[in-house]
């Protein structure tokens, strides 16, 4: 089963994936889809005032192509990525725990101390491909807080399920959740 979706002027088929017995989500994967990544970055940037943030932050890994393309299109020289595992090159890292809907287990996000120092006193735009339960977003917000920055905004390509009802997220399209038979919840 797939969900046919139009986003940033492009049509894509999203495979439906089981999260629970009668709860499915549409898998939105930008990896390898350069056309979609460029279009989504362009359309998100068109909705975000350029002077409203100093840096962008995302979580590893699905949103990396998006944040990179947003930085390229906007002329940003630096953006930050919260890593899903501790790396030897992360000195004095900040750490938060998160459980996202697609991972279905607890994991940690790490932000290197050098990146955290650059975020201190700065306005940070959090970027994601899909915001669903808001748990990954909450974890990124906590990293910004620990670093001494301010969350300037939250932007995503898609808002899934109840996230589409939030008024603190800028997004391009709504993505419904599904029953096992493919009907929308």
C-alpha atoms as a PDB file:
ATOM      1  CA  UNK A   1       0.000   0.000   0.000  1.00  0.00           C
ATOM      2  CA  UNK A   2       1.121   3.526  -0.746  1.00  0.00           C
ATOM      3  CA  UNK A   3      -0.133   7.020  -0.054  1.00  0.00           C
ATOM      4  CA  UNK A   4       0.076   9.340  -3.055  1.00  0.00           C
ATOM      5  CA  UNK A   5       1.238  12.761  -1.916  1.00  0.00           C
ATOM      6  CA  UNK A   6       2.018  16.105  -3.522  1.00  0.00           C
ATOM      7  CA  UNK A   7       4.699  18.113  -1.744  1.00  0.00           C
ATOM      8  CA  UNK A   8       6.652  21.123  -3.038  1.00  0.00           C
ATOM      9  CA  UNK A   9       4.931  20.673  -6.394  1.00  0.00           C
ATOM     10  CA  UNK A  10       6.095  17.067  -6.779  1.00  0.00           C
ATOM     11  CA  UNK A  11       4.071  13.871  -6.533  1.00  0.00           C
ATOM     12  CA  UNK A  12       5.500  10.941  -4.600  1.00  0.00           C
ATOM     13  CA  UNK A  13       4.208   7.537  -3.451  1.00  0.00           C
ATOM     14  CA  UNK A  14       4.843   6.954   0.250  1.00  0.00           C
ATOM     15  CA  UNK A  15       4.880   3.291   1.308  1.00  0.00           C
ATOM     16  CA  UNK A  16       2.678   2.629   4.338  1.00  0.00           C
ATOM     17  CA  UNK A  17       4.614   1.083   7.238  1.00  0.00           C
ATOM     18  CA  UNK A  18       3.235  -0.526  10.391  1.00  0.00           C
ATOM     19  CA  UNK A  19       4.071   1.152  13.682  1.00  0.00           C
ATOM     20  CA  UNK A  20       1.491  -0.823  15.681  1.00  0.00           C
ATOM     21  CA  UNK A  21      -1.224  -3.378  14.883  1.00  0.00           C
ATOM     22  CA  UNK A  22      -3.690  -0.896  13.369  1.00  0.00           C
ATOM     23  CA  UNK A  23      -1.444   2.159  13.080  1.00  0.00           C
ATOM     24  CA  UNK A  24       0.541   2.853   9.904  1.00  0.00           C
ATOM     25  CA  UNK A  25       2.556   5.828   8.753  1.00  0.00           C
ATOM     26  CA  UNK A  26       3.573   6.987   5.299  1.00  0.00           C
ATOM     27  CA  UNK A  27       7.340   6.607   4.883  1.00  0.00           C
ATOM     28  CA  UNK A  28       8.670   9.931   3.607  1.00  0.00           C
ATOM     29  CA  UNK A  29      12.296   9.403   2.601  1.00  0.00           C
ATOM     30  CA  UNK A  30      14.266  12.207   0.947  1.00  0.00           C
ATOM     31  CA  UNK A  31      17.525  10.220   0.742  1.00  0.00           C
ATOM     32  CA  UNK A  32      18.521   9.863  -2.888  1.00  0.00           C
ATOM     33  CA  UNK A  33      15.742  12.125  -4.190  1.00  0.00           C
ATOM     34  CA  UNK A  34      17.646  15.256  -5.158  1.00  0.00           C
ATOM     35  CA  UNK A  35      14.680  16.820  -6.952  1.00  0.00           C
ATOM     36  CA  UNK A  36      12.467  16.503  -3.882  1.00  0.00           C
ATOM     37  CA  UNK A  37      15.188  17.721  -1.499  1.00  0.00           C
ATOM     38  CA  UNK A  38      15.857  20.858  -3.573  1.00  0.00           C
ATOM     39  CA  UNK A  39      12.147  21.650  -3.966  1.00  0.00           C
ATOM     40  CA  UNK A  40      11.330  21.141  -0.266  1.00  0.00           C
ATOM     41  CA  UNK A  41      14.297  23.275   0.835  1.00  0.00           C
ATOM     42  CA  UNK A  42      13.219  26.032  -1.567  1.00  0.00           C
ATOM     43  CA  UNK A  43       9.609  26.016  -0.380  1.00  0.00           C
ATOM     44  CA  UNK A  44      10.505  25.916   3.327  1.00  0.00           C
ATOM     45  CA  UNK A  45      12.967  28.784   2.944  1.00  0.00           C
ATOM     46  CA  UNK A  46      10.309  30.836   1.150  1.00  0.00           C
ATOM     47  CA  UNK A  47       8.179  30.665   4.323  1.00  0.00           C
ATOM     48  CA  UNK A  48      10.932  31.494   6.819  1.00  0.00           C
ATOM     49  CA  UNK A  49      12.206  35.069   7.148  1.00  0.00           C
ATOM     50  CA  UNK A  50      15.984  34.913   6.562  1.00  0.00           C
ATOM     51  CA  UNK A  51      16.663  37.287   9.451  1.00  0.00           C
ATOM     52  CA  UNK A  52      14.640  35.226  11.960  1.00  0.00           C
ATOM     53  CA  UNK A  53      17.440  32.786  12.885  1.00  0.00           C
ATOM     54  CA  UNK A  54      21.212  32.588  13.161  1.00  0.00           C
ATOM     55  CA  UNK A  55      21.761  28.850  12.656  1.00  0.00           C
ATOM     56  CA  UNK A  56      19.815  25.719  11.752  1.00  0.00           C
ATOM     57  CA  UNK A  57      19.834  22.422  13.682  1.00  0.00           C
ATOM     58  CA  UNK A  58      18.556  18.950  12.785  1.00  0.00           C
ATOM     59  CA  UNK A  59      18.887  15.392  14.046  1.00  0.00           C
ATOM     60  CA  UNK A  60      20.837  12.704  12.253  1.00  0.00           C
ATOM     61  CA  UNK A  61      20.074  11.250   9.671  1.00  0.00           C
ATOM     62  CA  UNK A  62      17.012  11.603   7.402  1.00  0.00           C
ATOM     63  CA  UNK A  63      16.968  15.415   7.556  1.00  0.00           C
ATOM     64  CA  UNK A  64      20.640  15.937   6.710  1.00  0.00           C
ATOM     65  CA  UNK A  65      20.075  16.347   2.949  1.00  0.00           C
ATOM     66  CA  UNK A  66      17.287  18.853   3.669  1.00  0.00           C
ATOM     67  CA  UNK A  67      19.266  21.041   6.082  1.00  0.00           C
ATOM     68  CA  UNK A  68      22.291  20.928   3.808  1.00  0.00           C
ATOM     69  CA  UNK A  69      20.232  22.076   0.830  1.00  0.00           C
ATOM     70  CA  UNK A  70      18.554  24.778   2.914  1.00  0.00           C
ATOM     71  CA  UNK A  71      21.990  26.039   3.956  1.00  0.00           C
ATOM     72  CA  UNK A  72      23.225  25.954   0.362  1.00  0.00           C
ATOM     73  CA  UNK A  73      20.207  27.828  -0.985  1.00  0.00           C
ATOM     74  CA  UNK A  74      20.222  30.417   1.817  1.00  0.00           C
ATOM     75  CA  UNK A  75      23.980  30.982   1.768  1.00  0.00           C
ATOM     76  CA  UNK A  76      24.433  29.752   5.336  1.00  0.00           C
ATOM     77  CA  UNK A  77      28.020  28.725   6.018  1.00  0.00           C
ATOM     78  CA  UNK A  78      27.253  26.589   9.082  1.00  0.00           C
ATOM     79  CA  UNK A  79      24.505  24.334  10.390  1.00  0.00           C
ATOM     80  CA  UNK A  80      24.389  21.802  13.217  1.00  0.00           C
ATOM     81  CA  UNK A  81      23.542  18.107  13.370  1.00  0.00           C
ATOM     82  CA  UNK A  82      22.656  16.304  16.584  1.00  0.00           C
ATOM     83  CA  UNK A  83      24.294  12.871  16.316  1.00  0.00           C
ATOM     84  CA  UNK A  84      22.461   9.669  17.230  1.00  0.00           C
ATOM     85  CA  UNK A  85      25.577   8.168  18.715  1.00  0.00           C
ATOM     86  CA  UNK A  86      28.639   9.365  20.548  1.00  0.00           C
ATOM     87  CA  UNK A  87      31.575  10.039  18.209  1.00  0.00           C
ATOM     88  CA  UNK A  88      35.195  10.359  19.277  1.00  0.00           C
ATOM     89  CA  UNK A  89      35.407  13.797  17.684  1.00  0.00           C
ATOM     90  CA  UNK A  90      32.567  15.207  19.827  1.00  0.00           C
ATOM     91  CA  UNK A  91      34.373  17.010  22.631  1.00  0.00           C
ATOM     92  CA  UNK A  92      32.410  17.937  25.767  1.00  0.00           C
ATOM     93  CA  UNK A  93      29.114  16.847  24.224  1.00  0.00           C
ATOM     94  CA  UNK A  94      25.629  17.690  25.369  1.00  0.00           C
ATOM     95  CA  UNK A  95      23.270  14.699  25.478  1.00  0.00           C
ATOM     96  CA  UNK A  96      19.499  14.154  25.548  1.00  0.00           C
ATOM     97  CA  UNK A  97      17.343  11.026  25.304  1.00  0.00           C
ATOM     98  CA  UNK A  98      14.553  10.611  22.767  1.00  0.00           C
ATOM     99  CA  UNK A  99      12.141   7.970  21.496  1.00  0.00           C
ATOM    100  CA  UNK A 100      10.854   8.719  18.006  1.00  0.00           C
ATOM    101  CA  UNK A 101       7.919   7.001  16.327  1.00  0.00           C
ATOM    102  CA  UNK A 102      10.122   5.513  13.584  1.00  0.00           C
ATOM    103  CA  UNK A 103      12.854   4.200  15.893  1.00  0.00           C
ATOM    104  CA  UNK A 104      10.526   2.764  18.570  1.00  0.00           C
ATOM    105  CA  UNK A 105      13.260   2.614  21.192  1.00  0.00           C
ATOM    106  CA  UNK A 106      15.116   5.038  23.415  1.00  0.00           C
ATOM    107  CA  UNK A 107      18.177   6.617  21.877  1.00  0.00           C
ATOM    108  CA  UNK A 108      20.452   9.543  22.642  1.00  0.00           C
ATOM    109  CA  UNK A 109      21.206  12.667  20.648  1.00  0.00           C
ATOM    110  CA  UNK A 110      24.599  14.330  21.082  1.00  0.00           C
ATOM    111  CA  UNK A 111      25.765  17.828  20.233  1.00  0.00           C
ATOM    112  CA  UNK A 112      29.477  18.547  20.317  1.00  0.00           C
ATOM    113  CA  UNK A 113      30.742  21.156  22.755  1.00  0.00           C
ATOM    114  CA  UNK A 114      32.208  23.313  19.971  1.00  0.00           C
ATOM    115  CA  UNK A 115      28.842  23.451  18.202  1.00  0.00           C
ATOM    116  CA  UNK A 116      27.090  24.136  21.507  1.00  0.00           C
ATOM    117  CA  UNK A 117      29.448  27.056  22.168  1.00  0.00           C
ATOM    118  CA  UNK A 118      28.579  28.542  18.769  1.00  0.00           C
ATOM    119  CA  UNK A 119      24.852  28.249  19.580  1.00  0.00           C
ATOM    120  CA  UNK A 120      25.119  30.148  22.879  1.00  0.00           C
ATOM    121  CA  UNK A 121      23.062  33.333  22.679  1.00  0.00           C
ATOM    122  CA  UNK A 122      21.961  32.543  19.108  1.00  0.00           C
ATOM    123  CA  UNK A 123      18.547  31.993  17.529  1.00  0.00           C
ATOM    124  CA  UNK A 124      18.249  28.414  16.283  1.00  0.00           C
ATOM    125  CA  UNK A 125      15.834  27.149  13.625  1.00  0.00           C
ATOM    126  CA  UNK A 126      15.046  23.470  14.148  1.00  0.00           C
ATOM    127  CA  UNK A 127      14.588  21.606  10.854  1.00  0.00           C
ATOM    128  CA  UNK A 128      13.131  18.134  10.322  1.00  0.00           C
ATOM    129  CA  UNK A 129      11.710  16.094   7.475  1.00  0.00           C
ATOM    130  CA  UNK A 130       8.609  14.943   9.390  1.00  0.00           C
ATOM    131  CA  UNK A 131       7.284  16.019  12.760  1.00  0.00           C
ATOM    132  CA  UNK A 132       4.943  13.449  14.235  1.00  0.00           C
ATOM    133  CA  UNK A 133       4.771  12.925  17.994  1.00  0.00           C
ATOM    134  CA  UNK A 134       7.113  15.848  18.616  1.00  0.00           C
ATOM    135  CA  UNK A 135       9.573  13.780  20.660  1.00  0.00           C
ATOM    136  CA  UNK A 136      12.553  14.420  18.357  1.00  0.00           C
ATOM    137  CA  UNK A 137      11.601  18.087  18.268  1.00  0.00           C
ATOM    138  CA  UNK A 138      11.490  18.186  22.077  1.00  0.00           C
ATOM    139  CA  UNK A 139      14.946  16.622  22.272  1.00  0.00           C
ATOM    140  CA  UNK A 140      16.394  19.164  19.830  1.00  0.00           C
ATOM    141  CA  UNK A 141      14.780  21.988  21.792  1.00  0.00           C
ATOM    142  CA  UNK A 142      16.439  20.649  24.945  1.00  0.00           C
ATOM    143  CA  UNK A 143      19.852  20.610  23.226  1.00  0.00           C
ATOM    144  CA  UNK A 144      19.338  24.241  22.177  1.00  0.00           C
ATOM    145  CA  UNK A 145      18.390  25.130  25.766  1.00  0.00           C
ATOM    146  CA  UNK A 146      21.418  23.309  27.205  1.00  0.00           C
ATOM    147  CA  UNK A 147      23.653  25.130  24.723  1.00  0.00           C
ATOM    148  CA  UNK A 148      22.276  28.505  25.814  1.00  0.00           C
ATOM    149  CA  UNK A 149      20.532  29.236  22.536  1.00  0.00           C
ATOM    150  CA  UNK A 150      16.943  30.193  21.781  1.00  0.00           C
ATOM    151  CA  UNK A 151      14.586  28.216  19.556  1.00  0.00           C
ATOM    152  CA  UNK A 152      13.660  30.698  16.839  1.00  0.00           C
ATOM    153  CA  UNK A 153      11.334  28.352  14.982  1.00  0.00           C
ATOM    154  CA  UNK A 154      10.454  24.816  13.989  1.00  0.00           C
ATOM    155  CA  UNK A 155      10.211  23.827  10.326  1.00  0.00           C
ATOM    156  CA  UNK A 156       9.415  20.521   8.669  1.00  0.00           C
ATOM    157  CA  UNK A 157       8.421  19.273   5.273  1.00  0.00           C
ATOM    158  CA  UNK A 158       5.507  17.274   6.715  1.00  0.00           C
ATOM    159  CA  UNK A 159       3.435  17.398   9.889  1.00  0.00           C
ATOM    160  CA  UNK A 160       2.080  13.934  10.603  1.00  0.00           C
ATOM    161  CA  UNK A 161      -1.115  13.168  12.472  1.00  0.00           C
ATOM    162  CA  UNK A 162      -1.811  15.504  15.394  1.00  0.00           C
ATOM    163  CA  UNK A 163       1.368  17.509  14.721  1.00  0.00           C
ATOM    164  CA  UNK A 164      -0.545  19.210  11.899  1.00  0.00           C
ATOM    165  CA  UNK A 165      -2.766  20.812  14.570  1.00  0.00           C
ATOM    166  CA  UNK A 166       0.174  22.543  16.256  1.00  0.00           C
ATOM    167  CA  UNK A 167       0.537  26.266  15.631  1.00  0.00           C
ATOM    168  CA  UNK A 168       4.237  26.418  16.537  1.00  0.00           C
ATOM    169  CA  UNK A 169       5.444  24.399  13.529  1.00  0.00           C
ATOM    170  CA  UNK A 170       5.918  25.678  10.009  1.00  0.00           C
ATOM    171  CA  UNK A 171       5.360  22.841   7.517  1.00  0.00           C
ATOM    172  CA  UNK A 172       4.621  22.324   3.842  1.00  0.00           C
ATOM    173  CA  UNK A 173       1.990  19.572   3.962  1.00  0.00           C
ATOM    174  CA  UNK A 174      -0.080  17.466   6.335  1.00  0.00           C
ATOM    175  CA  UNK A 175       0.546  13.709   6.378  1.00  0.00           C
ATOM    176  CA  UNK A 176      -2.266  11.591   7.789  1.00  0.00           C
ATOM    177  CA  UNK A 177      -1.816   8.375   9.768  1.00  0.00           C
ATOM    178  CA  UNK A 178      -3.475   5.193   8.552  1.00  0.00           C
ATOM    179  CA  UNK A 179      -5.318   2.055   9.629  1.00  0.00           C
ATOM    180  CA  UNK A 180      -3.966  -1.366   8.566  1.00  0.00           C
ATOM    181  CA  UNK A 181      -6.355  -1.344   5.575  1.00  0.00           C
ATOM    182  CA  UNK A 182      -4.867   1.941   4.311  1.00  0.00           C
ATOM    183  CA  UNK A 183      -7.751   4.201   5.300  1.00  0.00           C
ATOM    184  CA  UNK A 184      -6.901   7.459   7.035  1.00  0.00           C
ATOM    185  CA  UNK A 185      -7.247   7.712  10.788  1.00  0.00           C
END
